[in-house]
Amino acid sequence: MARNQLSIPTVKEQLQRLLLAEPLSGTPFRTSDEFLWRGGVKPSPVNGSYLVQIYYQRGRFPETNVLSPKLKRYEDRPLPHVYPGERLCLFYPKATPPEWTPAMWLSETVLPWTALWLIYYEHWLVNGVWLGDEIDHTKEETSL
């Protein structure tokens, strides 16, 4: 039986889609309500690959970090567009309509948004200008 497009994917379904999207990825931690996914993201054919981690727990926004290479700074400036702990800001949690909801596939949203964030990051690293939209990241947004 096909899943209704508007229904919320299970944690297992989300993880399966990520593993299909990035076959060389893995999941060092998984329960019925949460998982930790690690895989490579290559922002463009001319860029290197980054090892990223997505932590997803039912009822919370996904959290994405770059594990390697370590994110550098432009002229010792703080990293732009990140939450505490260098969690990437990939969407605005309070947007209306929502930019991300639990009914959306992480493999079709968070994964490509991470690649786009990395393109903006690499541009910022060269000239200090962030090309993407930006909001105040001093407050943590984790719950739906």
C-alpha atoms as a PDB file:
ATOM      1  CA  MET A   1       0.000   0.000   0.000  1.00  0.00           C
ATOM      2  CA  ALA A   2       1.397   3.404  -0.990  1.00  0.00           C
ATOM      3  CA  ARG A   3       1.940   6.004   1.672  1.00  0.00           C
ATOM      4  CA  ASN A   4      -0.208   9.122   1.438  1.00  0.00           C
ATOM      5  CA  GLN A   5       1.995  12.039   0.286  1.00  0.00           C
ATOM      6  CA  LEU A   6       0.752  14.244   3.120  1.00  0.00           C
ATOM      7  CA  SER A   7       1.333  11.710   5.869  1.00  0.00           C
ATOM      8  CA  ILE A   8       4.420  11.939   8.030  1.00  0.00           C
ATOM      9  CA  PRO A   9       7.203   9.494   7.166  1.00  0.00           C
ATOM     10  CA  THR A  10       8.322   7.284  10.002  1.00  0.00           C
ATOM     11  CA  VAL A  11      11.823   7.647  11.400  1.00  0.00           C
ATOM     12  CA  LYS A  12      12.705   4.374   9.666  1.00  0.00           C
ATOM     13  CA  GLU A  13      11.380   5.623   6.305  1.00  0.00           C
ATOM     14  CA  GLN A  14      13.346   8.884   6.643  1.00  0.00           C
ATOM     15  CA  LEU A  15      16.538   6.959   7.342  1.00  0.00           C
ATOM     16  CA  GLN A  16      15.962   4.519   4.466  1.00  0.00           C
ATOM     17  CA  ARG A  17      15.567   7.431   2.034  1.00  0.00           C
ATOM     18  CA  LEU A  18      18.809   9.032   3.260  1.00  0.00           C
ATOM     19  CA  LEU A  19      20.672   5.742   2.884  1.00  0.00           C
ATOM     20  CA  LEU A  20      19.331   5.381  -0.674  1.00  0.00           C
ATOM     21  CA  ALA A  21      20.277   8.966  -1.542  1.00  0.00           C
ATOM     22  CA  GLU A  22      23.832   8.452  -0.301  1.00  0.00           C
ATOM     23  CA  PRO A  23      24.742   4.743  -0.597  1.00  0.00           C
ATOM     24  CA  LEU A  24      28.118   5.156   1.153  1.00  0.00           C
ATOM     25  CA  SER A  25      26.478   6.697   4.206  1.00  0.00           C
ATOM     26  CA  GLY A  26      25.797   5.039   7.522  1.00  0.00           C
ATOM     27  CA  THR A  27      23.909   5.301  10.739  1.00  0.00           C
ATOM     28  CA  PRO A  28      25.929   4.829  13.904  1.00  0.00           C
ATOM     29  CA  PHE A  29      22.820   5.285  16.090  1.00  0.00           C
ATOM     30  CA  ARG A  30      19.149   4.449  15.579  1.00  0.00           C
ATOM     31  CA  THR A  31      16.036   3.853  17.671  1.00  0.00           C
ATOM     32  CA  SER A  32      12.366   3.838  16.686  1.00  0.00           C
ATOM     33  CA  ASP A  33      12.135   7.600  17.408  1.00  0.00           C
ATOM     34  CA  GLU A  34      15.523   8.995  16.349  1.00  0.00           C
ATOM     35  CA  PHE A  35      18.672   8.411  14.336  1.00  0.00           C
ATOM     36  CA  LEU A  36      22.093   9.802  13.543  1.00  0.00           C
ATOM     37  CA  TRP A  37      23.011   9.678   9.848  1.00  0.00           C
ATOM     38  CA  ARG A  38      26.490  10.334   8.462  1.00  0.00           C
ATOM     39  CA  GLY A  39      27.357  10.698   4.807  1.00  0.00           C
ATOM     40  CA  GLY A  40      29.260  12.645   2.211  1.00  0.00           C
ATOM     41  CA  VAL A  41      27.950  15.818   0.605  1.00  0.00           C
ATOM     42  CA  LYS A  42      29.692  17.255  -2.444  1.00  0.00           C
ATOM     43  CA  PRO A  43      28.288  20.753  -3.087  1.00  0.00           C
ATOM     44  CA  SER A  44      29.325  20.788  -6.760  1.00  0.00           C
ATOM     45  CA  PRO A  45      31.534  18.829  -9.166  1.00  0.00           C
ATOM     46  CA  VAL A  46      34.449  21.220  -8.568  1.00  0.00           C
ATOM     47  CA  ASN A  47      34.204  21.161  -4.770  1.00  0.00           C
ATOM     48  CA  GLY A  48      35.597  18.650  -2.331  1.00  0.00           C
ATOM     49  CA  SER A  49      33.359  16.373  -0.301  1.00  0.00           C
ATOM     50  CA  TYR A  50      32.233  17.060   3.261  1.00  0.00           C
ATOM     51  CA  LEU A  51      31.301  14.491   5.873  1.00  0.00           C
ATOM     52  CA  VAL A  52      28.029  15.659   7.383  1.00  0.00           C
ATOM     53  CA  GLN A  53      25.843  14.381  10.179  1.00  0.00           C
ATOM     54  CA  ILE A  54      22.070  14.680  10.474  1.00  0.00           C
ATOM     55  CA  TYR A  55      20.440  13.987  13.817  1.00  0.00           C
ATOM     56  CA  TYR A  56      16.703  13.478  13.536  1.00  0.00           C
ATOM     57  CA  GLN A  57      14.234  12.888  16.328  1.00  0.00           C
ATOM     58  CA  ARG A  58      10.493  12.639  15.829  1.00  0.00           C
ATOM     59  CA  GLY A  59       8.784  15.891  16.870  1.00  0.00           C
ATOM     60  CA  ARG A  60      11.945  18.023  16.496  1.00  0.00           C
ATOM     61  CA  PHE A  61      13.709  19.825  13.694  1.00  0.00           C
ATOM     62  CA  PRO A  62      16.618  17.941  12.117  1.00  0.00           C
ATOM     63  CA  GLU A  63      20.077  19.067  13.242  1.00  0.00           C
ATOM     64  CA  THR A  64      22.898  19.105  10.711  1.00  0.00           C
ATOM     65  CA  ASN A  65      26.635  19.446  11.353  1.00  0.00           C
ATOM     66  CA  VAL A  66      29.735  19.262   9.180  1.00  0.00           C
ATOM     67  CA  LEU A  67      32.118  16.737  10.745  1.00  0.00           C
ATOM     68  CA  SER A  68      35.010  17.120   8.305  1.00  0.00           C
ATOM     69  CA  PRO A  69      36.843  18.931   7.088  1.00  0.00           C
ATOM     70  CA  LYS A  70      36.629  21.300  10.030  1.00  0.00           C
ATOM     71  CA  LEU A  71      34.840  24.495   9.022  1.00  0.00           C
ATOM     72  CA  LYS A  72      37.291  27.387   8.710  1.00  0.00           C
ATOM     73  CA  ARG A  73      36.783  31.087   9.395  1.00  0.00           C
ATOM     74  CA  TYR A  74      37.101  34.094   7.137  1.00  0.00           C
ATOM     75  CA  GLU A  75      39.521  36.510   8.794  1.00  0.00           C
ATOM     76  CA  ASP A  76      38.711  35.014  12.215  1.00  0.00           C
ATOM     77  CA  ARG A  77      35.034  36.006  11.888  1.00  0.00           C
ATOM     78  CA  PRO A  78      32.465  33.684  13.479  1.00  0.00           C
ATOM     79  CA  LEU A  79      30.790  31.239  11.143  1.00  0.00           C
ATOM     80  CA  PRO A  80      27.658  32.741   9.597  1.00  0.00           C
ATOM     81  CA  HIS A  81      24.309  31.052   9.438  1.00  0.00           C
ATOM     82  CA  VAL A  82      24.842  28.518  12.229  1.00  0.00           C
ATOM     83  CA  TYR A  83      23.215  27.777  15.549  1.00  0.00           C
ATOM     84  CA  PRO A  84      25.221  27.044  18.707  1.00  0.00           C
ATOM     85  CA  GLY A  85      27.389  23.969  18.276  1.00  0.00           C
ATOM     86  CA  GLU A  86      27.968  24.868  14.601  1.00  0.00           C
ATOM     87  CA  ARG A  87      24.627  23.334  13.638  1.00  0.00           C
ATOM     88  CA  LEU A  88      23.826  24.534  10.139  1.00  0.00           C
ATOM     89  CA  CYS A  89      20.846  26.835   9.679  1.00  0.00           C
ATOM     90  CA  LEU A  90      19.166  25.355   6.624  1.00  0.00           C
ATOM     91  CA  PHE A  91      15.674  26.820   6.998  1.00  0.00           C
ATOM     92  CA  TYR A  92      13.799  29.309   9.150  1.00  0.00           C
ATOM     93  CA  PRO A  93      11.821  27.323  11.749  1.00  0.00           C
ATOM     94  CA  LYS A  94       9.184  30.032  12.237  1.00  0.00           C
ATOM     95  CA  ALA A  95       8.505  30.728   8.549  1.00  0.00           C
ATOM     96  CA  THR A  96       4.908  30.945   7.376  1.00  0.00           C
ATOM     97  CA  PRO A  97       4.217  28.783   5.506  1.00  0.00           C
ATOM     98  CA  PRO A  98       6.738  26.397   7.063  1.00  0.00           C
ATOM     99  CA  GLU A  99       9.917  25.807   5.078  1.00  0.00           C
ATOM    100  CA  TRP A 100      10.291  22.335   6.586  1.00  0.00           C
ATOM    101  CA  THR A 101       7.755  19.999   8.197  1.00  0.00           C
ATOM    102  CA  PRO A 102       7.971  16.355   9.346  1.00  0.00           C
ATOM    103  CA  ALA A 103       5.938  15.390   6.242  1.00  0.00           C
ATOM    104  CA  MET A 104       8.941  16.327   4.070  1.00  0.00           C
ATOM    105  CA  TRP A 105      11.723  13.915   3.201  1.00  0.00           C
ATOM    106  CA  LEU A 106      15.113  14.791   4.687  1.00  0.00           C
ATOM    107  CA  SER A 107      16.753  13.383   1.550  1.00  0.00           C
ATOM    108  CA  GLU A 108      14.828  15.881  -0.605  1.00  0.00           C
ATOM    109  CA  THR A 109      15.143  18.914   1.660  1.00  0.00           C
ATOM    110  CA  VAL A 110      17.861  18.858   4.304  1.00  0.00           C
ATOM    111  CA  LEU A 111      20.410  17.008   2.168  1.00  0.00           C
ATOM    112  CA  PRO A 112      20.258  19.384  -0.851  1.00  0.00           C
ATOM    113  CA  TRP A 113      19.947  22.393   1.480  1.00  0.00           C
ATOM    114  CA  THR A 114      23.175  21.248   3.142  1.00  0.00           C
ATOM    115  CA  ALA A 115      24.903  21.211  -0.253  1.00  0.00           C
ATOM    116  CA  LEU A 116      23.611  24.739  -0.923  1.00  0.00           C
ATOM    117  CA  TRP A 117      24.770  25.908   2.531  1.00  0.00           C
ATOM    118  CA  LEU A 118      28.240  24.539   1.712  1.00  0.00           C
ATOM    119  CA  ILE A 119      28.317  26.459  -1.589  1.00  0.00           C
ATOM    120  CA  TYR A 120      27.476  29.668   0.301  1.00  0.00           C
ATOM    121  CA  TYR A 121      30.098  28.779   2.918  1.00  0.00           C
ATOM    122  CA  GLU A 122      32.825  28.281   0.329  1.00  0.00           C
ATOM    123  CA  HIS A 123      31.968  31.632  -1.256  1.00  0.00           C
ATOM    124  CA  TRP A 124      32.019  33.304   2.183  1.00  0.00           C
ATOM    125  CA  LEU A 125      35.393  31.718   2.904  1.00  0.00           C
ATOM    126  CA  VAL A 126      36.885  33.508  -0.115  1.00  0.00           C
ATOM    127  CA  ASN A 127      35.366  36.995   0.256  1.00  0.00           C
ATOM    128  CA  GLY A 128      33.460  37.211   3.539  1.00  0.00           C
ATOM    129  CA  VAL A 129      30.049  37.652   1.855  1.00  0.00           C
ATOM    130  CA  TRP A 130      27.203  35.230   2.645  1.00  0.00           C
ATOM    131  CA  LEU A 131      25.003  34.839  -0.443  1.00  0.00           C
ATOM    132  CA  GLY A 132      22.028  33.188   1.248  1.00  0.00           C
ATOM    133  CA  ASP A 133      19.261  34.638   3.392  1.00  0.00           C
ATOM    134  CA  GLU A 134      20.138  35.026   7.051  1.00  0.00           C
ATOM    135  CA  ILE A 135      18.356  35.504  10.367  1.00  0.00           C
ATOM    136  CA  ASP A 136      19.408  36.092  13.974  1.00  0.00           C
ATOM    137  CA  HIS A 137      20.841  32.805  15.261  1.00  0.00           C
ATOM    138  CA  THR A 138      21.219  33.729  18.904  1.00  0.00           C
ATOM    139  CA  LYS A 139      18.058  31.814  19.882  1.00  0.00           C
ATOM    140  CA  GLU A 140      17.889  28.075  19.511  1.00  0.00           C
ATOM    141  CA  GLU A 141      15.020  26.589  17.484  1.00  0.00           C
ATOM    142  CA  THR A 142      14.713  22.831  17.911  1.00  0.00           C
ATOM    143  CA  SER A 143      11.077  21.921  18.618  1.00  0.00           C
ATOM    144  CA  LEU A 144       8.229  21.938  16.138  1.00  0.00           C
END
